Amino acid sequence: MRNIVLYASLAASVLVPTVGPCRAGEHGARVEYIGGTRADLPNRATGNLQAVDEQYLVFYSGKANFRVAYDRINLLEYGQKVNRRLAMAVLISPVFALSKSRQHFLTVGYTDEAGREQALIFKVEKEHIRAMLASLEVRTGRKVEFQDEEARKAGRG
């Protein structure tokens, strides 16, 4: 009888998922690192961006991980296209120019430990963008800059 209970609980833990869909307010947002100024992060790395830690914005990926202290973040920008101001710092795949679907981009600017300005651009899944923006505003104390009115509507709901 004891073995039956053990096997039943093991089967239930395998068959029933314990973690639901990833939400920015709880476990983070599924993102793709598009590019930026960090040489240690490969472009197109997919992972999880979390703004739930008390001190750090964290990116977990199978290829690379990093964290940025909230108090070092000096720019939060959301848009449905990558900002021209940061385009020189980022090499973006030509595929984005051909894409017709709406894509949601989050740009995070910050000062690193050596005092250099850094930029990170992530493509965020549509269902996670609002919670991620709200979390980042609260954690950093900075307002998100919107590229245009359309981005403002999508980011605020």
C-alpha atoms as a PDB file:
ATOM      1  CA  MET A   1       0.000   0.000   0.000  1.00  0.00           C
ATOM      2  CA  ARG A   2       2.822   2.369   0.866  1.00  0.00           C
ATOM      3  CA  ASN A   3       4.376   1.854  -2.589  1.00  0.00           C
ATOM      4  CA  ILE A   4       1.079   2.599  -4.316  1.00  0.00           C
ATOM      5  CA  VAL A   5       0.798   5.964  -2.523  1.00  0.00           C
ATOM      6  CA  LEU A   6       4.414   6.760  -3.384  1.00  0.00           C
ATOM      7  CA  TYR A   7       3.924   5.914  -7.064  1.00  0.00           C
ATOM      8  CA  ALA A   8       0.642   7.836  -7.203  1.00  0.00           C
ATOM      9  CA  SER A   9       2.226  10.978  -5.748  1.00  0.00           C
ATOM     10  CA  LEU A  10       5.207  10.648  -8.083  1.00  0.00           C
ATOM     11  CA  ALA A  11       2.910  10.274 -11.100  1.00  0.00           C
ATOM     12  CA  ALA A  12       0.841  13.274 -10.021  1.00  0.00           C
ATOM     13  CA  SER A  13       3.934  15.448  -9.678  1.00  0.00           C
ATOM     14  CA  VAL A  14       5.055  14.503 -13.181  1.00  0.00           C
ATOM     15  CA  LEU A  15       1.670  14.774 -14.867  1.00  0.00           C
ATOM     16  CA  VAL A  16       0.325  17.907 -13.147  1.00  0.00           C
ATOM     17  CA  PRO A  17       2.358  21.042 -13.794  1.00  0.00           C
ATOM     18  CA  THR A  18       3.163  22.904 -10.598  1.00  0.00           C
ATOM     19  CA  VAL A  19       4.017  26.243 -12.198  1.00  0.00           C
ATOM     20  CA  GLY A  20       1.552  27.917 -14.521  1.00  0.00           C
ATOM     21  CA  PRO A  21       2.347  30.398 -17.265  1.00  0.00           C
ATOM     22  CA  CYS A  22       5.198  32.745 -16.488  1.00  0.00           C
ATOM     23  CA  ARG A  23       3.961  36.167 -15.350  1.00  0.00           C
ATOM     24  CA  ALA A  24       6.196  39.213 -14.998  1.00  0.00           C
ATOM     25  CA  GLY A  25       4.814  40.017 -11.573  1.00  0.00           C
ATOM     26  CA  GLU A  26       5.448  36.499 -10.242  1.00  0.00           C
ATOM     27  CA  HIS A  27       8.159  34.576 -12.035  1.00  0.00           C
ATOM     28  CA  GLY A  28       9.267  36.971 -14.755  1.00  0.00           C
ATOM     29  CA  ALA A  29       8.622  37.450 -18.425  1.00  0.00           C
ATOM     30  CA  ARG A  30       9.734  35.285 -21.286  1.00  0.00           C
ATOM     31  CA  VAL A  31      12.019  37.511 -23.393  1.00  0.00           C
ATOM     32  CA  GLU A  32      14.531  37.457 -26.186  1.00  0.00           C
ATOM     33  CA  TYR A  33      17.678  39.555 -25.843  1.00  0.00           C
ATOM     34  CA  ILE A  34      17.821  41.446 -29.130  1.00  0.00           C
ATOM     35  CA  GLY A  35      21.062  43.291 -28.555  1.00  0.00           C
ATOM     36  CA  GLY A  36      22.803  45.980 -26.653  1.00  0.00           C
ATOM     37  CA  THR A  37      26.197  47.010 -25.445  1.00  0.00           C
ATOM     38  CA  ARG A  38      27.068  43.920 -23.395  1.00  0.00           C
ATOM     39  CA  ALA A  39      29.535  41.668 -25.194  1.00  0.00           C
ATOM     40  CA  ASP A  40      28.950  38.768 -22.788  1.00  0.00           C
ATOM     41  CA  LEU A  41      25.321  38.316 -23.889  1.00  0.00           C
ATOM     42  CA  PRO A  42      24.723  36.650 -27.236  1.00  0.00           C
ATOM     43  CA  ASN A  43      22.107  38.289 -29.447  1.00  0.00           C
ATOM     44  CA  ARG A  44      18.899  36.307 -29.806  1.00  0.00           C
ATOM     45  CA  ALA A  45      19.381  34.621 -26.398  1.00  0.00           C
ATOM     46  CA  THR A  46      15.984  33.667 -25.011  1.00  0.00           C
ATOM     47  CA  GLY A  47      15.341  33.538 -21.323  1.00  0.00           C
ATOM     48  CA  ASN A  48      13.425  34.897 -18.384  1.00  0.00           C
ATOM     49  CA  LEU A  49      13.584  38.534 -17.269  1.00  0.00           C
ATOM     50  CA  GLN A  50      12.613  38.999 -13.619  1.00  0.00           C
ATOM     51  CA  ALA A  51      11.803  42.221 -11.793  1.00  0.00           C
ATOM     52  CA  VAL A  52      10.739  40.545  -8.560  1.00  0.00           C
ATOM     53  CA  ASP A  53      14.022  40.616  -6.657  1.00  0.00           C
ATOM     54  CA  GLU A  54      14.303  43.414  -4.093  1.00  0.00           C
ATOM     55  CA  GLN A  55      17.600  44.786  -5.490  1.00  0.00           C
ATOM     56  CA  TYR A  56      18.204  43.436  -8.995  1.00  0.00           C
ATOM     57  CA  LEU A  57      16.673  43.069 -12.421  1.00  0.00           C
ATOM     58  CA  VAL A  58      17.714  39.540 -13.406  1.00  0.00           C
ATOM     59  CA  PHE A  59      17.983  37.799 -16.789  1.00  0.00           C
ATOM     60  CA  TYR A  60      18.245  34.011 -16.825  1.00  0.00           C
ATOM     61  CA  SER A  61      19.116  32.247 -20.041  1.00  0.00           C
ATOM     62  CA  GLY A  62      20.684  28.945 -20.975  1.00  0.00           C
ATOM     63  CA  LYS A  63      23.437  30.915 -22.732  1.00  0.00           C
ATOM     64  CA  ALA A  64      24.120  33.672 -20.191  1.00  0.00           C
ATOM     65  CA  ASN A  65      22.819  35.195 -16.959  1.00  0.00           C
ATOM     66  CA  PHE A  66      23.206  38.692 -15.555  1.00  0.00           C
ATOM     67  CA  ARG A  67      21.739  41.099 -13.053  1.00  0.00           C
ATOM     68  CA  VAL A  68      21.504  44.869 -12.848  1.00  0.00           C
ATOM     69  CA  ALA A  69      20.897  46.797  -9.636  1.00  0.00           C
ATOM     70  CA  TYR A  70      17.678  48.825  -9.883  1.00  0.00           C
ATOM     71  CA  ASP A  71      19.420  51.943  -8.599  1.00  0.00           C
ATOM     72  CA  ARG A  72      21.811  51.840 -11.595  1.00  0.00           C
ATOM     73  CA  ILE A  73      18.971  51.834 -14.148  1.00  0.00           C
ATOM     74  CA  ASN A  74      18.565  55.270 -15.743  1.00  0.00           C
ATOM     75  CA  LEU A  75      16.301  54.489 -18.730  1.00  0.00           C
ATOM     76  CA  LEU A  76      13.187  52.392 -19.207  1.00  0.00           C
ATOM     77  CA  GLU A  77      11.672  52.631 -22.649  1.00  0.00           C
ATOM     78  CA  TYR A  78       8.880  50.687 -24.264  1.00  0.00           C
ATOM     79  CA  GLY A  79       7.886  50.632 -27.878  1.00  0.00           C
ATOM     80  CA  GLN A  80       6.819  48.487 -30.714  1.00  0.00           C
ATOM     81  CA  LYS A  81       9.990  49.284 -32.596  1.00  0.00           C
ATOM     82  CA  VAL A  82      13.559  49.750 -31.408  1.00  0.00           C
ATOM     83  CA  ASN A  83      14.398  53.389 -30.681  1.00  0.00           C
ATOM     84  CA  ARG A  84      16.675  55.150 -33.163  1.00  0.00           C
ATOM     85  CA  ARG A  85      18.690  56.647 -30.284  1.00  0.00           C
ATOM     86  CA  LEU A  86      20.024  53.228 -29.370  1.00  0.00           C
ATOM     87  CA  ALA A  87      20.152  51.743 -32.861  1.00  0.00           C
ATOM     88  CA  MET A  88      23.846  52.570 -33.216  1.00  0.00           C
ATOM     89  CA  ALA A  89      24.602  50.580 -30.071  1.00  0.00           C
ATOM     90  CA  VAL A  90      22.658  47.571 -31.285  1.00  0.00           C
ATOM     91  CA  LEU A  91      22.950  45.323 -34.305  1.00  0.00           C
ATOM     92  CA  ILE A  92      19.479  44.159 -35.145  1.00  0.00           C
ATOM     93  CA  SER A  93      18.587  41.360 -37.490  1.00  0.00           C
ATOM     94  CA  PRO A  94      17.031  42.502 -40.803  1.00  0.00           C
ATOM     95  CA  VAL A  95      14.212  40.034 -40.119  1.00  0.00           C
ATOM     96  CA  PHE A  96      12.582  42.604 -37.811  1.00  0.00           C
ATOM     97  CA  ALA A  97      12.248  45.089 -40.679  1.00  0.00           C
ATOM     98  CA  LEU A  98      10.273  42.510 -42.672  1.00  0.00           C
ATOM     99  CA  SER A  99       8.022  41.364 -39.845  1.00  0.00           C
ATOM    100  CA  LYS A 100       4.394  42.526 -39.935  1.00  0.00           C
ATOM    101  CA  SER A 101       3.315  41.351 -36.486  1.00  0.00           C
ATOM    102  CA  ARG A 102       3.536  43.734 -33.558  1.00  0.00           C
ATOM    103  CA  GLN A 103       6.513  43.145 -31.393  1.00  0.00           C
ATOM    104  CA  HIS A 104       7.066  44.608 -27.946  1.00  0.00           C
ATOM    105  CA  PHE A 105      10.498  45.971 -27.077  1.00  0.00           C
ATOM    106  CA  LEU A 106      11.822  46.974 -23.693  1.00  0.00           C
ATOM    107  CA  THR A 107      15.019  49.018 -23.552  1.00  0.00           C
ATOM    108  CA  VAL A 108      16.872  49.177 -20.253  1.00  0.00           C
ATOM    109  CA  GLY A 109      19.674  51.719 -19.920  1.00  0.00           C
ATOM    110  CA  TYR A 110      21.987  51.621 -16.942  1.00  0.00           C
ATOM    111  CA  THR A 111      25.424  52.564 -15.657  1.00  0.00           C
ATOM    112  CA  ASP A 112      27.704  49.601 -14.977  1.00  0.00           C
ATOM    113  CA  GLU A 113      30.150  49.223 -12.078  1.00  0.00           C
ATOM    114  CA  ALA A 114      32.904  50.931 -14.111  1.00  0.00           C
ATOM    115  CA  GLY A 115      30.705  53.986 -14.755  1.00  0.00           C
ATOM    116  CA  ARG A 116      30.031  53.153 -18.441  1.00  0.00           C
ATOM    117  CA  GLU A 117      26.586  53.527 -19.960  1.00  0.00           C
ATOM    118  CA  GLN A 118      25.066  50.225 -21.062  1.00  0.00           C
ATOM    119  CA  ALA A 119      21.910  49.376 -22.988  1.00  0.00           C
ATOM    120  CA  LEU A 120      19.881  46.174 -23.183  1.00  0.00           C
ATOM    121  CA  ILE A 121      17.028  45.604 -25.600  1.00  0.00           C
ATOM    122  CA  PHE A 122      14.573  42.774 -25.076  1.00  0.00           C
ATOM    123  CA  LYS A 123      11.649  41.562 -27.128  1.00  0.00           C
ATOM    124  CA  VAL A 124       8.935  40.798 -24.567  1.00  0.00           C
ATOM    125  CA  GLU A 125       5.903  38.610 -25.157  1.00  0.00           C
ATOM    126  CA  LYS A 126       2.699  40.621 -25.441  1.00  0.00           C
ATOM    127  CA  GLU A 127       0.973  39.044 -22.442  1.00  0.00           C
ATOM    128  CA  HIS A 128       3.867  39.956 -20.118  1.00  0.00           C
ATOM    129  CA  ILE A 129       4.699  43.529 -21.116  1.00  0.00           C
ATOM    130  CA  ARG A 130       2.248  45.394 -18.851  1.00  0.00           C
ATOM    131  CA  ALA A 131       3.219  43.554 -15.683  1.00  0.00           C
ATOM    132  CA  MET A 132       6.925  43.910 -16.500  1.00  0.00           C
ATOM    133  CA  LEU A 133       6.619  47.670 -17.067  1.00  0.00           C
ATOM    134  CA  ALA A 134       4.676  48.136 -13.829  1.00  0.00           C
ATOM    135  CA  SER A 135       7.208  46.084 -11.847  1.00  0.00           C
ATOM    136  CA  LEU A 136      10.142  48.018 -13.277  1.00  0.00           C
ATOM    137  CA  GLU A 137       8.553  51.390 -12.529  1.00  0.00           C
ATOM    138  CA  VAL A 138       7.977  50.404  -8.912  1.00  0.00           C
ATOM    139  CA  ARG A 139      11.413  48.839  -8.412  1.00  0.00           C
ATOM    140  CA  THR A 140      13.455  51.585 -10.113  1.00  0.00           C
ATOM    141  CA  GLY A 141      11.354  54.631  -9.198  1.00  0.00           C
ATOM    142  CA  ARG A 142      11.580  55.696 -12.873  1.00  0.00           C
ATOM    143  CA  LYS A 143       8.741  56.250 -15.288  1.00  0.00           C
ATOM    144  CA  VAL A 144       8.699  54.242 -18.487  1.00  0.00           C
ATOM    145  CA  GLU A 145       9.229  56.358 -21.584  1.00  0.00           C
ATOM    146  CA  PHE A 146       6.897  55.409 -24.415  1.00  0.00           C
ATOM    147  CA  GLN A 147       8.019  55.807 -28.016  1.00  0.00           C
ATOM    148  CA  ASP A 148       4.609  56.960 -29.221  1.00  0.00           C
ATOM    149  CA  GLU A 149       0.912  57.021 -28.316  1.00  0.00           C
ATOM    150  CA  GLU A 150       0.366  53.523 -29.691  1.00  0.00           C
ATOM    151  CA  ALA A 151       3.054  52.152 -27.388  1.00  0.00           C
ATOM    152  CA  ARG A 152       1.528  54.051 -24.456  1.00  0.00           C
ATOM    153  CA  LYS A 153      -1.856  52.395 -25.082  1.00  0.00           C
ATOM    154  CA  ALA A 154      -0.310  48.927 -25.360  1.00  0.00           C
ATOM    155  CA  GLY A 155       1.843  49.411 -22.262  1.00  0.00           C
ATOM    156  CA  ARG A 156      -0.851  50.905 -20.056  1.00  0.00           C
ATOM    157  CA  GLY A 157      -3.861  48.927 -21.220  1.00  0.00           C
END
